Amino acid sequence: MSREELEKLPCFDFKAKEIKGATPSPSPADCAVCLEGFKAGEKCRLLPLCCHSFHAECVDMWLLRTALCPICRGSADFNRAVEESSRYVMLLLGFAETNSIILFCFWNRGGYFT
């Protein structure tokens, strides 16, 4: 994958959200490349076909070598994501006030989205 293609992949700042009544966790999620926990404010990158997220710095190095997701080995190629967009619908909600995003992926299964 080229640097230009890499820059087309979506990025976001990680934001940990506390859930009332839940036991606090020191590491709510980990980057599968470096195995470190995500920290609030860290730049993360989203792979559009599989919806897996990683530290941007970690996955960028990985994707420059191979255009496959480190978790599921699915394609991370942005152009392929555009071509296959009829297979799924992504709903990306951005909230400027909290500088956060929510991503929902719905897969097309015989005319029905799940």
C-alpha atoms as a PDB file:
ATOM      1  CA  MET A   1       0.000   0.000   0.000  1.00  0.00           C
ATOM      2  CA  SER A   2       1.351   3.440  -0.862  1.00  0.00           C
ATOM      3  CA  ARG A   3       1.571   6.366   1.563  1.00  0.00           C
ATOM      4  CA  GLU A   4      -1.061   8.166  -0.570  1.00  0.00           C
ATOM      5  CA  GLU A   5      -3.510   5.244  -0.260  1.00  0.00           C
ATOM      6  CA  LEU A   6      -2.780   5.012   3.453  1.00  0.00           C
ATOM      7  CA  GLU A   7      -3.756   8.649   4.000  1.00  0.00           C
ATOM      8  CA  LYS A   8      -7.207   7.943   2.517  1.00  0.00           C
ATOM      9  CA  LEU A   9      -8.061   5.606   5.397  1.00  0.00           C
ATOM     10  CA  PRO A  10     -10.105   7.251   8.177  1.00  0.00           C
ATOM     11  CA  CYS A  11      -8.415   8.474  11.387  1.00  0.00           C
ATOM     12  CA  PHE A  12      -9.866   9.522  14.723  1.00  0.00           C
ATOM     13  CA  ASP A  13      -8.697  10.497  18.198  1.00  0.00           C
ATOM     14  CA  PHE A  14      -9.354   7.691  20.682  1.00  0.00           C
ATOM     15  CA  LYS A  15     -11.714   8.605  23.481  1.00  0.00           C
ATOM     16  CA  ALA A  16     -12.380   6.271  26.402  1.00  0.00           C
ATOM     17  CA  LYS A  17     -15.911   6.428  27.709  1.00  0.00           C
ATOM     18  CA  GLU A  18     -16.806   5.464  31.242  1.00  0.00           C
ATOM     19  CA  ILE A  19     -19.978   3.441  31.703  1.00  0.00           C
ATOM     20  CA  LYS A  20     -21.898   3.999  34.943  1.00  0.00           C
ATOM     21  CA  GLY A  21     -21.716   0.986  37.211  1.00  0.00           C
ATOM     22  CA  ALA A  22     -19.002  -0.724  35.185  1.00  0.00           C
ATOM     23  CA  THR A  23     -15.733  -1.735  36.783  1.00  0.00           C
ATOM     24  CA  PRO A  24     -12.994   0.658  35.624  1.00  0.00           C
ATOM     25  CA  SER A  25     -10.516  -0.980  33.289  1.00  0.00           C
ATOM     26  CA  PRO A  26      -6.935   0.265  32.912  1.00  0.00           C
ATOM     27  CA  SER A  27      -6.976  -0.737  29.232  1.00  0.00           C
ATOM     28  CA  PRO A  28     -10.416  -0.655  27.580  1.00  0.00           C
ATOM     29  CA  ALA A  29      -8.982  -1.754  24.223  1.00  0.00           C
ATOM     30  CA  ASP A  30      -5.620  -2.779  22.828  1.00  0.00           C
ATOM     31  CA  CYS A  31      -3.878  -2.179  19.526  1.00  0.00           C
ATOM     32  CA  ALA A  32      -3.343  -5.596  17.910  1.00  0.00           C
ATOM     33  CA  VAL A  33      -0.057  -4.443  16.358  1.00  0.00           C
ATOM     34  CA  CYS A  34       1.842  -3.141  19.416  1.00  0.00           C
ATOM     35  CA  LEU A  35      -0.393  -4.822  22.061  1.00  0.00           C
ATOM     36  CA  GLU A  36      -0.547  -1.551  24.040  1.00  0.00           C
ATOM     37  CA  GLY A  37      -3.825  -0.137  25.322  1.00  0.00           C
ATOM     38  CA  PHE A  38      -5.424   2.836  23.615  1.00  0.00           C
ATOM     39  CA  LYS A  39      -5.180   6.077  25.568  1.00  0.00           C
ATOM     40  CA  ALA A  40      -7.468   9.092  25.276  1.00  0.00           C
ATOM     41  CA  GLY A  41      -6.327  11.473  22.568  1.00  0.00           C
ATOM     42  CA  GLU A  42      -4.177   8.977  20.643  1.00  0.00           C
ATOM     43  CA  LYS A  43      -4.547   9.062  16.861  1.00  0.00           C
ATOM     44  CA  CYS A  44      -6.123   5.843  15.613  1.00  0.00           C
ATOM     45  CA  ARG A  45      -6.860   4.543  12.130  1.00  0.00           C
ATOM     46  CA  LEU A  46      -9.967   2.626  11.036  1.00  0.00           C
ATOM     47  CA  LEU A  47      -9.856  -0.027   8.301  1.00  0.00           C
ATOM     48  CA  PRO A  48     -13.091   0.454   6.319  1.00  0.00           C
ATOM     49  CA  LEU A  49     -13.765  -3.112   5.149  1.00  0.00           C
ATOM     50  CA  CYS A  50     -13.489  -4.886   8.502  1.00  0.00           C
ATOM     51  CA  CYS A  51     -13.988  -1.908  10.864  1.00  0.00           C
ATOM     52  CA  HIS A  52     -10.916  -2.817  12.975  1.00  0.00           C
ATOM     53  CA  SER A  53      -9.016   0.057  14.599  1.00  0.00           C
ATOM     54  CA  PHE A  54      -5.365   0.456  15.597  1.00  0.00           C
ATOM     55  CA  HIS A  55      -2.911   3.136  16.653  1.00  0.00           C
ATOM     56  CA  ALA A  56      -2.361   5.023  13.384  1.00  0.00           C
ATOM     57  CA  GLU A  57       1.422   4.941  13.786  1.00  0.00           C
ATOM     58  CA  CYS A  58       1.440   1.168  14.355  1.00  0.00           C
ATOM     59  CA  VAL A  59      -0.914   0.136  11.573  1.00  0.00           C
ATOM     60  CA  ASP A  60       0.621   2.590   9.095  1.00  0.00           C
ATOM     61  CA  MET A  61       3.972   0.790   9.344  1.00  0.00           C
ATOM     62  CA  TRP A  62       2.174  -2.544   8.947  1.00  0.00           C
ATOM     63  CA  LEU A  63       0.107  -1.421   5.930  1.00  0.00           C
ATOM     64  CA  LEU A  64       3.120  -0.004   4.117  1.00  0.00           C
ATOM     65  CA  ARG A  65       4.411  -3.599   4.041  1.00  0.00           C
ATOM     66  CA  THR A  66       1.139  -5.458   3.467  1.00  0.00           C
ATOM     67  CA  ALA A  67      -2.378  -4.168   2.712  1.00  0.00           C
ATOM     68  CA  LEU A  68      -4.053  -6.689   5.017  1.00  0.00           C
ATOM     69  CA  CYS A  69      -5.733  -6.159   8.383  1.00  0.00           C
ATOM     70  CA  PRO A  70      -3.473  -7.424  11.218  1.00  0.00           C
ATOM     71  CA  ILE A  71      -6.481  -9.042  12.929  1.00  0.00           C
ATOM     72  CA  CYS A  72      -8.647 -10.670  10.252  1.00  0.00           C
ATOM     73  CA  ARG A  73      -6.267 -10.540   7.256  1.00  0.00           C
ATOM     74  CA  GLY A  74      -9.017  -8.864   5.207  1.00  0.00           C
ATOM     75  CA  SER A  75      -8.053  -6.298   2.583  1.00  0.00           C
ATOM     76  CA  ALA A  76      -7.219  -2.831   3.871  1.00  0.00           C
ATOM     77  CA  ASP A  77      -7.142  -1.404   0.332  1.00  0.00           C
ATOM     78  CA  PHE A  78      -9.268   1.764   0.255  1.00  0.00           C
ATOM     79  CA  ASN A  79     -10.029   1.341  -3.470  1.00  0.00           C
ATOM     80  CA  ARG A  80     -11.318  -2.166  -2.837  1.00  0.00           C
ATOM     81  CA  ALA A  81     -13.467  -0.820  -0.001  1.00  0.00           C
ATOM     82  CA  VAL A  82     -15.098   1.607  -2.418  1.00  0.00           C
ATOM     83  CA  GLU A  83     -15.661  -1.170  -4.992  1.00  0.00           C
ATOM     84  CA  GLU A  84     -17.220  -3.461  -2.382  1.00  0.00           C
ATOM     85  CA  SER A  85     -19.289  -0.751  -0.710  1.00  0.00           C
ATOM     86  CA  SER A  86     -22.524  -2.324  -2.000  1.00  0.00           C
ATOM     87  CA  ARG A  87     -21.889  -5.237   0.387  1.00  0.00           C
ATOM     88  CA  TYR A  88     -22.289  -3.080   3.456  1.00  0.00           C
ATOM     89  CA  VAL A  89     -23.433   0.283   4.697  1.00  0.00           C
ATOM     90  CA  MET A  90     -21.346   2.281   7.147  1.00  0.00           C
ATOM     91  CA  LEU A  91     -22.963   4.901   9.309  1.00  0.00           C
ATOM     92  CA  LEU A  92     -20.359   7.236  10.763  1.00  0.00           C
ATOM     93  CA  LEU A  93     -21.563   9.749  13.328  1.00  0.00           C
ATOM     94  CA  GLY A  94     -19.262  12.584  14.345  1.00  0.00           C
ATOM     95  CA  PHE A  95     -19.775  14.756  17.392  1.00  0.00           C
ATOM     96  CA  ALA A  96     -17.829  18.018  17.304  1.00  0.00           C
ATOM     97  CA  GLU A  97     -18.638  18.901  20.921  1.00  0.00           C
ATOM     98  CA  THR A  98     -16.968  15.763  22.268  1.00  0.00           C
ATOM     99  CA  ASN A  99     -14.524  15.211  19.375  1.00  0.00           C
ATOM    100  CA  SER A 100     -15.722  11.617  19.084  1.00  0.00           C
ATOM    101  CA  ILE A 101     -17.115   9.285  16.452  1.00  0.00           C
ATOM    102  CA  ILE A 102     -19.409   6.290  16.461  1.00  0.00           C
ATOM    103  CA  LEU A 103     -19.257   3.800  13.603  1.00  0.00           C
ATOM    104  CA  PHE A 104     -21.969   1.293  12.751  1.00  0.00           C
ATOM    105  CA  CYS A 105     -21.400  -1.333  10.016  1.00  0.00           C
ATOM    106  CA  PHE A 106     -24.394  -3.100   8.519  1.00  0.00           C
ATOM    107  CA  TRP A 107     -23.712  -6.072   6.214  1.00  0.00           C
ATOM    108  CA  ASN A 108     -25.974  -6.839   3.245  1.00  0.00           C
ATOM    109  CA  ARG A 109     -27.253 -10.385   3.661  1.00  0.00           C
ATOM    110  CA  GLY A 110     -29.634 -11.176   0.817  1.00  0.00           C
ATOM    111  CA  GLY A 111     -31.236  -7.738   0.756  1.00  0.00           C
ATOM    112  CA  TYR A 112     -31.360  -7.352   4.543  1.00  0.00           C
ATOM    113  CA  PHE A 113     -28.832  -5.392   6.547  1.00  0.00           C
ATOM    114  CA  THR A 114     -27.599  -6.918   9.798  1.00  0.00           C
END
